[in-house]
Amino acid sequence: MENQNTLSLQGKLIIEHSASDGGTPTLVCRGRITMETANHFRTEIKTLAPKHRFLKADLGGIDFVDSEGLGSILGTYIVALSHGCDLMLVNVNSRVKDLLDITHLEAVFGNRSRTA
């Protein structure tokens, strides 16, 4: 049964809305940020950024990011900043963290990217 659940999530991105203890809106993401799902991630951030000073994207459940997904993460970060919103990546999966390090994007996100 576990394999069926895993297979059904392949190629998909599930985003749930929650709030941190301090009330900061948090997007809890599970699945993959890819060419097929990047627009979903982008749309969620673009919708919330103009309404909040801070947003968190919990990437602990993201197990794969392709080049389009990486561009989407960077692009949404820039869009959020343009709306005066500070987007922080939290609980970043170690594989995604490695990708940010390899591409030197960790320097762009600075302390806005934290591993679990």
C-alpha atoms as a PDB file:
ATOM      1  CA  MET A   1       0.000   0.000   0.000  1.00  0.00           C
ATOM      2  CA  GLU A   2       2.859   2.389   0.744  1.00  0.00           C
ATOM      3  CA  ASN A   3       4.178   2.003  -2.808  1.00  0.00           C
ATOM      4  CA  GLN A   4       0.800   3.007  -4.236  1.00  0.00           C
ATOM      5  CA  ASN A   5       0.772   6.164  -2.102  1.00  0.00           C
ATOM      6  CA  THR A   6       4.316   6.988  -3.150  1.00  0.00           C
ATOM      7  CA  LEU A   7       3.519   6.435  -6.810  1.00  0.00           C
ATOM      8  CA  SER A   8       0.397   8.572  -6.629  1.00  0.00           C
ATOM      9  CA  LEU A   9       2.442  11.510  -5.319  1.00  0.00           C
ATOM     10  CA  GLN A  10       5.062  11.302  -8.077  1.00  0.00           C
ATOM     11  CA  GLY A  11       4.910  14.391 -10.213  1.00  0.00           C
ATOM     12  CA  LYS A  12       2.541  16.123  -7.819  1.00  0.00           C
ATOM     13  CA  LEU A  13       2.854  18.987  -5.400  1.00  0.00           C
ATOM     14  CA  ILE A  14       0.568  19.263  -2.408  1.00  0.00           C
ATOM     15  CA  ILE A  15       0.536  22.576  -0.540  1.00  0.00           C
ATOM     16  CA  GLU A  16      -1.287  22.968   2.757  1.00  0.00           C
ATOM     17  CA  HIS A  17      -1.727  26.292   4.526  1.00  0.00           C
ATOM     18  CA  SER A  18      -0.961  26.621   8.227  1.00  0.00           C
ATOM     19  CA  ALA A  19       0.388  29.228  10.613  1.00  0.00           C
ATOM     20  CA  SER A  20       3.513  29.075  12.746  1.00  0.00           C
ATOM     21  CA  ASP A  21       3.382  29.715  16.488  1.00  0.00           C
ATOM     22  CA  GLY A  22       3.883  33.426  15.827  1.00  0.00           C
ATOM     23  CA  GLY A  23       1.037  33.471  13.311  1.00  0.00           C
ATOM     24  CA  THR A  24       3.243  33.617  10.213  1.00  0.00           C
ATOM     25  CA  PRO A  25       1.488  31.975   7.253  1.00  0.00           C
ATOM     26  CA  THR A  26       3.272  28.757   6.330  1.00  0.00           C
ATOM     27  CA  LEU A  27       2.929  26.750   3.148  1.00  0.00           C
ATOM     28  CA  VAL A  28       3.644  23.115   3.972  1.00  0.00           C
ATOM     29  CA  CYS A  29       4.793  21.549   0.709  1.00  0.00           C
ATOM     30  CA  ARG A  30       4.970  17.838  -0.136  1.00  0.00           C
ATOM     31  CA  GLY A  31       5.995  16.121  -3.329  1.00  0.00           C
ATOM     32  CA  ARG A  32       8.030  17.627  -6.147  1.00  0.00           C
ATOM     33  CA  ILE A  33       8.615  21.101  -7.497  1.00  0.00           C
ATOM     34  CA  THR A  34       9.089  20.473 -11.212  1.00  0.00           C
ATOM     35  CA  MET A  35       8.154  21.879 -14.587  1.00  0.00           C
ATOM     36  CA  GLU A  36       4.689  20.391 -14.085  1.00  0.00           C
ATOM     37  CA  THR A  37       4.135  21.755 -10.557  1.00  0.00           C
ATOM     38  CA  ALA A  38       6.206  24.957 -10.373  1.00  0.00           C
ATOM     39  CA  ASN A  39       3.288  27.151 -11.386  1.00  0.00           C
ATOM     40  CA  HIS A  40       1.257  25.857  -8.431  1.00  0.00           C
ATOM     41  CA  PHE A  41       4.055  26.854  -6.016  1.00  0.00           C
ATOM     42  CA  ARG A  42       4.455  30.244  -7.714  1.00  0.00           C
ATOM     43  CA  THR A  43       0.714  30.959  -7.610  1.00  0.00           C
ATOM     44  CA  GLU A  44       0.437  30.180  -3.896  1.00  0.00           C
ATOM     45  CA  ILE A  45       3.275  32.582  -3.033  1.00  0.00           C
ATOM     46  CA  LYS A  46       2.039  35.309  -5.402  1.00  0.00           C
ATOM     47  CA  THR A  47      -1.404  35.146  -3.796  1.00  0.00           C
ATOM     48  CA  LEU A  48      -0.151  35.481  -0.218  1.00  0.00           C
ATOM     49  CA  ALA A  49       2.883  37.772  -0.584  1.00  0.00           C
ATOM     50  CA  PRO A  50       0.976  41.059  -1.067  1.00  0.00           C
ATOM     51  CA  LYS A  51      -1.047  40.384   2.100  1.00  0.00           C
ATOM     52  CA  HIS A  52       1.804  39.515   4.507  1.00  0.00           C
ATOM     53  CA  ARG A  53       5.183  40.819   5.607  1.00  0.00           C
ATOM     54  CA  PHE A  54       6.490  37.312   6.293  1.00  0.00           C
ATOM     55  CA  LEU A  55       5.815  33.924   4.697  1.00  0.00           C
ATOM     56  CA  LYS A  56       7.328  30.529   5.331  1.00  0.00           C
ATOM     57  CA  ALA A  57       7.600  27.728   2.808  1.00  0.00           C
ATOM     58  CA  ASP A  58       8.143  24.423   4.615  1.00  0.00           C
ATOM     59  CA  LEU A  59      10.058  22.282   2.123  1.00  0.00           C
ATOM     60  CA  GLY A  60      10.593  19.297   4.423  1.00  0.00           C
ATOM     61  CA  GLY A  61       8.257  17.172   2.318  1.00  0.00           C
ATOM     62  CA  ILE A  62       9.813  18.124  -1.026  1.00  0.00           C
ATOM     63  CA  ASP A  63      11.842  15.200  -2.310  1.00  0.00           C
ATOM     64  CA  PHE A  64      12.754  16.487  -5.774  1.00  0.00           C
ATOM     65  CA  VAL A  65      13.323  19.838  -7.481  1.00  0.00           C
ATOM     66  CA  ASP A  66      14.206  20.163 -11.168  1.00  0.00           C
ATOM     67  CA  SER A  67      15.623  23.246 -12.895  1.00  0.00           C
ATOM     68  CA  GLU A  68      12.159  24.758 -13.449  1.00  0.00           C
ATOM     69  CA  GLY A  69      11.342  24.166  -9.783  1.00  0.00           C
ATOM     70  CA  LEU A  70      14.588  25.788  -8.715  1.00  0.00           C
ATOM     71  CA  GLY A  71      13.811  28.791 -10.905  1.00  0.00           C
ATOM     72  CA  SER A  72      10.329  28.913  -9.418  1.00  0.00           C
ATOM     73  CA  ILE A  73      11.664  28.989  -5.870  1.00  0.00           C
ATOM     74  CA  LEU A  74      14.064  31.802  -6.756  1.00  0.00           C
ATOM     75  CA  GLY A  75      11.460  33.692  -8.780  1.00  0.00           C
ATOM     76  CA  THR A  76       8.837  33.525  -6.046  1.00  0.00           C
ATOM     77  CA  TYR A  77      11.397  34.734  -3.531  1.00  0.00           C
ATOM     78  CA  ILE A  78      12.026  37.795  -5.724  1.00  0.00           C
ATOM     79  CA  VAL A  79       8.287  38.358  -6.262  1.00  0.00           C
ATOM     80  CA  ALA A  80       7.681  38.166  -2.512  1.00  0.00           C
ATOM     81  CA  LEU A  81      10.433  40.730  -1.886  1.00  0.00           C
ATOM     82  CA  SER A  82       8.928  43.060  -4.491  1.00  0.00           C
ATOM     83  CA  HIS A  83       5.713  43.010  -2.429  1.00  0.00           C
ATOM     84  CA  GLY A  84       7.620  43.782   0.778  1.00  0.00           C
ATOM     85  CA  CYS A  85       7.274  40.183   1.962  1.00  0.00           C
ATOM     86  CA  ASP A  86      10.150  38.183   3.406  1.00  0.00           C
ATOM     87  CA  LEU A  87       9.903  34.551   2.200  1.00  0.00           C
ATOM     88  CA  MET A  88      11.760  32.068   4.375  1.00  0.00           C
ATOM     89  CA  LEU A  89      12.413  28.471   3.388  1.00  0.00           C
ATOM     90  CA  VAL A  90      12.164  26.228   6.453  1.00  0.00           C
ATOM     91  CA  ASN A  91      12.717  22.531   7.148  1.00  0.00           C
ATOM     92  CA  VAL A  92      14.473  22.262   3.809  1.00  0.00           C
ATOM     93  CA  ASN A  93      14.949  18.626   2.800  1.00  0.00           C
ATOM     94  CA  SER A  94      18.656  17.718   2.750  1.00  0.00           C
ATOM     95  CA  ARG A  95      18.553  16.889  -0.996  1.00  0.00           C
ATOM     96  CA  VAL A  96      17.035  20.284  -1.780  1.00  0.00           C
ATOM     97  CA  LYS A  97      19.523  21.966   0.570  1.00  0.00           C
ATOM     98  CA  ASP A  98      22.370  20.271  -1.332  1.00  0.00           C
ATOM     99  CA  LEU A  99      20.921  21.583  -4.608  1.00  0.00           C
ATOM    100  CA  LEU A 100      20.775  25.120  -3.200  1.00  0.00           C
ATOM    101  CA  ASP A 101      24.394  24.762  -2.067  1.00  0.00           C
ATOM    102  CA  ILE A 102      25.637  23.361  -5.395  1.00  0.00           C
ATOM    103  CA  THR A 103      23.948  26.149  -7.377  1.00  0.00           C
ATOM    104  CA  HIS A 104      25.157  28.783  -4.894  1.00  0.00           C
ATOM    105  CA  LEU A 105      21.571  29.868  -4.288  1.00  0.00           C
ATOM    106  CA  GLU A 106      22.053  29.292  -0.582  1.00  0.00           C
ATOM    107  CA  ALA A 107      23.914  32.623  -0.646  1.00  0.00           C
ATOM    108  CA  VAL A 108      20.823  34.314  -2.140  1.00  0.00           C
ATOM    109  CA  PHE A 109      18.497  32.927   0.511  1.00  0.00           C
ATOM    110  CA  GLY A 110      21.055  33.450   3.264  1.00  0.00           C
ATOM    111  CA  ASN A 111      19.555  32.771   6.662  1.00  0.00           C
ATOM    112  CA  ARG A 112      16.130  32.466   4.992  1.00  0.00           C
ATOM    113  CA  SER A 113      16.822  28.788   4.274  1.00  0.00           C
ATOM    114  CA  ARG A 114      16.874  26.463   7.254  1.00  0.00           C
ATOM    115  CA  THR A 115      17.101  22.696   7.393  1.00  0.00           C
ATOM    116  CA  ALA A 116      15.003  20.586   9.682  1.00  0.00           C
END
